[in-house]
C-alpha cells in the first residue's frame, strides 16, 4: 500500500462588493470639429466636477479616452458634421452614492451622457482568499480522514500542499442581491474559489 494519501479540496468565500467602478462619458455632435470638441470638453468637465462634488477623490477619477471623427451622409461620401467624445473612469468607494452620482452625471451631461460599464468589486479580496483557502484545506482534510477511516488507517503529517486554483472575485449572480441605499445598484455578492491538493503520510 502507498505510504501516503493525496486528495484535493475546494473552498469558497463571498462578500458584498464595496467598490463600484463606472466608465462614463459624453458624445457630442457639431457642424465642425471645434464646436463638437468644445461641447464634449465642457460636458466632460461637468462630469468630473459632479464626481468631485460627490466625494470622488482625484485618484479615483481619470480621463481614459477622447477623440473626434467625421459624420457622413447616407451615401458615406459627404461630411455632414463631427462627433466628439470623451470618457472617464470613476471609482465609487461608497456604493450607496452610486445612484445619486449617476443622476448628477445625467444632469451635468444631459442627453450626451454615455455609461459604458458598471463593475462591482471587493476592495480588499485578501480576507476572502484566506477564508476560501481555509475552507479548501478543511475540505481536503475531511476527505482524507474519511478515506483513512475506510482504509483502517490514520493520517500522519502533511507532506505537501499545492495551491491549484486561486481565482479573483467572481460575480455570483444566483445569490440574493443587497440593494444600495439609493436603489440604483443591486450589489449581490462576489465569490472567490480556491482548490488545494494535500498529501498526508500514513501513520
Protein backbone atom coordinates (compact mmCIF):
# COMPACT_ATOMS: atom_id res chain seq x y z
CA UNK A 1 0.00 0.00 0.00
CA UNK A 2 1.16 3.55 -0.71
CA UNK A 3 2.90 5.38 2.14
CA UNK A 4 0.71 8.44 1.67
CA UNK A 5 -2.72 9.68 0.63
CA UNK A 6 -3.32 12.66 -1.64
CA UNK A 7 -6.68 14.42 -2.01
CA UNK A 8 -7.99 17.70 -3.36
CA UNK A 9 -10.27 20.13 -1.59
CA UNK A 10 -12.20 23.16 -2.72
CA UNK A 11 -13.40 26.20 -0.82
CA UNK A 12 -15.17 29.46 -1.46
CA UNK A 13 -15.95 32.66 0.36
CA UNK A 14 -18.30 35.53 -0.51
CA UNK A 15 -18.72 39.19 0.36
CA UNK A 16 -20.87 42.10 -0.72
CA UNK A 17 -18.90 44.39 -3.08
CA UNK A 18 -17.83 47.69 -1.58
CA UNK A 19 -16.49 49.40 -4.70
CA UNK A 20 -18.39 50.46 -7.83
CA UNK A 21 -16.36 51.19 -10.97
CA UNK A 22 -18.02 53.25 -13.70
CA UNK A 23 -16.97 54.13 -17.21
CA UNK A 24 -18.93 57.19 -18.23
CA UNK A 25 -18.53 59.75 -20.96
CA UNK A 26 -20.07 62.23 -23.33
CA UNK A 27 -20.71 62.10 -27.05
CA UNK A 28 -21.44 65.44 -28.74
CA UNK A 29 -22.18 66.40 -32.31
CA UNK A 30 -21.28 69.64 -34.06
CA UNK A 31 -21.13 71.17 -37.51
CA UNK A 32 -17.35 71.48 -37.24
CA UNK A 33 -14.52 69.93 -35.22
CA UNK A 34 -14.14 72.93 -32.95
CA UNK A 35 -17.76 73.09 -31.84
CA UNK A 36 -18.02 69.32 -31.29
CA UNK A 37 -14.81 69.24 -29.24
CA UNK A 38 -15.77 72.31 -27.24
CA UNK A 39 -19.13 70.82 -26.32
CA UNK A 40 -17.61 67.46 -25.35
CA UNK A 41 -14.85 69.07 -23.32
CA UNK A 42 -17.29 71.25 -21.42
CA UNK A 43 -19.67 68.42 -20.62
CA UNK A 44 -16.83 66.08 -19.60
CA UNK A 45 -15.54 68.76 -17.25
CA UNK A 46 -19.04 68.95 -15.77
CA UNK A 47 -19.00 65.18 -15.24
CA UNK A 48 -15.67 65.40 -13.44
CA UNK A 49 -16.95 68.22 -11.23
CA UNK A 50 -20.08 66.23 -10.39
CA UNK A 51 -17.86 63.32 -9.36
CA UNK A 52 -15.76 65.54 -7.12
CA UNK A 53 -18.89 67.07 -5.62
CA UNK A 54 -19.98 63.55 -4.65
CA UNK A 55 -16.76 62.78 -2.82
CA UNK A 56 -14.81 61.01 -5.59
CA UNK A 57 -11.12 61.53 -4.89
CA UNK A 58 -8.65 62.65 -7.60
CA UNK A 59 -7.01 59.21 -7.62
CA UNK A 60 -10.37 57.66 -8.49
CA UNK A 61 -11.11 59.91 -11.46
CA UNK A 62 -9.29 59.70 -14.79
CA UNK A 63 -9.82 60.52 -18.45
CA UNK A 64 -9.48 57.27 -20.37
CA UNK A 65 -10.28 58.21 -23.96
CA UNK A 66 -11.03 61.24 -26.11
CA UNK A 67 -11.36 61.93 -29.83
CA UNK A 68 -13.38 63.26 -32.73
CA UNK A 69 -14.46 61.78 -36.05
CA UNK A 70 -16.49 62.97 -39.03
CA UNK A 71 -20.09 62.01 -39.75
CA UNK A 72 -21.03 61.26 -43.34
CA UNK A 73 -24.25 61.37 -45.29
CA UNK A 74 -26.21 58.23 -46.11
CA UNK A 75 -24.08 57.61 -49.15
CA UNK A 76 -20.97 57.78 -47.00
CA UNK A 77 -19.44 60.47 -49.20
CA UNK A 78 -20.04 63.98 -47.91
CA UNK A 79 -19.08 65.06 -44.40
CA UNK A 80 -22.18 66.42 -42.66
CA UNK A 81 -20.69 67.09 -39.23
CA UNK A 82 -18.43 65.79 -36.48
CA UNK A 83 -18.84 63.73 -33.32
CA UNK A 84 -16.53 64.28 -30.37
CA UNK A 85 -16.29 62.05 -27.31
CA UNK A 86 -14.53 61.90 -24.00
CA UNK A 87 -14.67 59.06 -21.45
CA UNK A 88 -13.93 58.95 -17.74
CA UNK A 89 -13.15 56.15 -15.32
CA UNK A 90 -14.81 56.74 -11.95
CA UNK A 91 -14.28 54.64 -8.82
CA UNK A 92 -17.00 54.98 -6.18
CA UNK A 93 -15.85 53.69 -2.79
CA UNK A 94 -19.26 54.19 -1.18
CA UNK A 95 -21.78 52.17 -3.24
CA UNK A 96 -24.68 53.95 -1.57
CA UNK A 97 -23.69 57.06 -3.55
CA UNK A 98 -23.68 55.41 -6.96
CA UNK A 99 -27.28 56.23 -7.83
CA UNK A 100 -27.13 59.88 -6.84
CA UNK A 101 -23.83 60.21 -8.69
CA UNK A 102 -25.29 58.85 -11.92
CA UNK A 103 -28.23 61.22 -11.54
CA UNK A 104 -25.75 64.05 -11.15
CA UNK A 105 -23.96 62.87 -14.29
CA UNK A 106 -27.24 62.97 -16.19
CA UNK A 107 -27.85 66.50 -15.00
CA UNK A 108 -24.32 67.58 -15.92
CA UNK A 109 -24.12 66.00 -19.38
CA UNK A 110 -27.76 65.77 -20.42
CA UNK A 111 -28.54 63.60 -23.44
CA UNK A 112 -24.83 63.46 -24.28
CA UNK A 113 -24.17 61.12 -21.33
CA UNK A 114 -22.94 57.58 -22.01
CA UNK A 115 -22.44 54.81 -19.44
CA UNK A 116 -20.33 52.01 -20.92
CA UNK A 117 -19.56 49.92 -17.87
CA UNK A 118 -20.52 49.32 -14.26
CA UNK A 119 -18.34 46.91 -12.29
CA UNK A 120 -18.71 45.68 -8.70
CA UNK A 121 -15.63 44.73 -6.72
CA UNK A 122 -14.39 43.94 -3.24
CA UNK A 123 -11.71 46.50 -2.43
CA UNK A 124 -9.53 44.06 -0.48
CA UNK A 125 -10.04 40.44 -1.61
CA UNK A 126 -7.28 39.07 0.62
CA UNK A 127 -9.54 38.14 3.58
CA UNK A 128 -11.86 36.38 1.11
CA UNK A 129 -8.97 34.43 -0.35
CA UNK A 130 -7.75 33.47 3.11
CA UNK A 131 -11.22 32.18 4.06
CA UNK A 132 -11.53 30.27 0.78
CA UNK A 133 -8.12 28.63 1.28
CA UNK A 134 -9.03 27.66 4.84
CA UNK A 135 -12.26 26.10 3.58
CA UNK A 136 -10.40 24.27 0.81
CA UNK A 137 -7.88 22.80 3.24
CA UNK A 138 -10.69 21.77 5.58
CA UNK A 139 -12.47 20.07 2.70
CA UNK A 140 -9.29 18.18 1.77
CA UNK A 141 -8.74 17.08 5.38
CA UNK A 142 -12.34 15.86 5.72
CA UNK A 143 -11.97 13.75 2.59
CA UNK A 144 -8.62 12.36 3.72
CA UNK A 145 -9.99 11.46 7.14
CA UNK A 146 -12.94 9.68 5.56
CA UNK A 147 -10.67 7.66 3.28
CA UNK A 148 -8.38 6.88 6.21
CA UNK A 149 -11.31 5.56 8.24
CA UNK A 150 -12.49 3.45 5.32
CA UNK A 151 -8.99 2.04 4.91
CA UNK A 152 -8.49 1.46 8.63
CA UNK A 153 -5.56 3.87 8.69
CA UNK A 154 -4.62 7.08 10.50
CA UNK A 155 -3.40 10.30 8.94
CA UNK A 156 0.15 11.37 9.72
CA UNK A 157 1.97 14.59 8.91
CA UNK A 158 1.21 16.75 5.89
CA UNK A 159 3.85 16.12 3.26
CA UNK A 160 2.91 18.62 0.52
CA UNK A 161 0.32 21.34 -0.10
CA UNK A 162 -0.31 22.53 -3.67
CA UNK A 163 -2.46 25.57 -4.41
CA UNK A 164 -4.12 24.61 -7.69
CA UNK A 165 -6.63 27.39 -8.35
CA UNK A 166 -6.74 30.86 -6.86
CA UNK A 167 -9.30 32.96 -8.71
CA UNK A 168 -10.10 36.62 -8.24
CA UNK A 169 -13.58 37.66 -7.17
CA UNK A 170 -16.25 36.25 -9.46
CA UNK A 171 -19.83 37.52 -9.64
CA UNK A 172 -22.33 35.10 -8.14
CA UNK A 173 -25.49 36.05 -9.94
CA UNK A 174 -27.77 33.48 -8.35
CA UNK A 175 -27.49 34.95 -4.86
CA UNK A 176 -30.00 37.31 -3.31
CA UNK A 177 -28.97 40.87 -4.06
CA UNK A 178 -28.26 43.52 -1.48
CA UNK A 179 -29.56 46.90 -2.58
CA UNK A 180 -27.70 50.15 -2.11
CA UNK A 181 -29.49 52.78 -0.09
CA UNK A 182 -30.41 54.83 -3.15
CA UNK A 183 -31.76 51.81 -5.05
CA UNK A 184 -29.56 52.22 -8.11
CA UNK A 185 -27.25 49.20 -7.90
CA UNK A 186 -28.01 45.61 -6.92
CA UNK A 187 -24.75 44.61 -5.27
CA UNK A 188 -25.24 40.86 -4.95
CA UNK A 189 -22.07 39.09 -3.78
CA UNK A 190 -18.61 38.45 -5.16
CA UNK A 191 -17.15 34.99 -4.60
CA UNK A 192 -13.61 33.64 -4.65
CA UNK A 193 -12.95 29.94 -5.16
CA UNK A 194 -9.75 28.01 -4.46
CA UNK A 195 -8.64 24.41 -4.88
CA UNK A 196 -5.83 22.76 -2.96
CA UNK A 197 -4.16 19.34 -3.22
CA UNK A 198 -2.79 17.98 0.07
CA UNK A 199 -0.67 14.87 0.62
CA UNK A 200 -0.58 13.22 4.05
CA UNK A 201 1.71 10.45 5.24
CA UNK A 202 0.08 7.44 6.80
CA UNK A 203 0.91 6.98 10.45
